[in-house]
Amino acid sequence: MTARRYLGVPLLLAGLAGVGCKKDDGVAEAMNGARLLTEAYRDALQGKLTSALNDEGPAAAIRVCNVEAPAIGAKVLGGQREGWMIQRTALRVRNPANAPNEWQRRGLEALQERIERGTAPAAAEWHEVEEGALRYMRAIPLGGMCTLCHGDPESIPQEVKDELARLYPEERAVGFSEGELRGAFVVTVPLETR
């Protein structure tokens, strides 16, 4: 995604402020908005991670996920969508603050099932409408550069292990292979009913 498209996402979402004149139409619009958000978040986060890896090495990338990822999500959301939320979660989390709640766990398990049945990990998504909101999840497959921090523990560089131990003493997000389901982007969109 280009920087121009990333910066324009809040503007593209401006038309979705009152989704839901008809429930089905509102869900379709909310799904489109959720997809745009996850694409923008993914691309912005990947860009920051790639820059950190290239400029400072893998330990710097950990700090991007630790400090900058939430700010990137807020920036992508643009602060213009009251009640909208975007975050990341996983079944095996690095940061306990990203642990899934009950419905997110259900969604992650559904994503895993879809991938096991042949859905390409990058295309796997799940949603439900519950409690007046669209709950949307899009799979995060482990990319090649991510194995430096999330791959085989024996292959993770010592400087990365040291930084992980410092920032995440309850580390559980290692041992993944490239292409495997690492987690998911989560978007919640309130649906207006009339």
Foldseek 3Di string as FASTA:
>chain_A
DDPVLQQCLLVVCPVLQAQAAPPVRSLVNVVVNVVSLVVSLVVVLVVVLVCCCVPPRDLSSVVCVVPVSVVSSCVSNPPPHPPKDKDWAACFDLDPVRHDDPVQVVFRVVQQVVVVVPDQLQAGKDWDQDPQKIKIKHFDFAAPVNLCQAEDPVNNDPVSVVSSCVPGVPHGRHHDDGRHGRTIMIIIHGHDYD
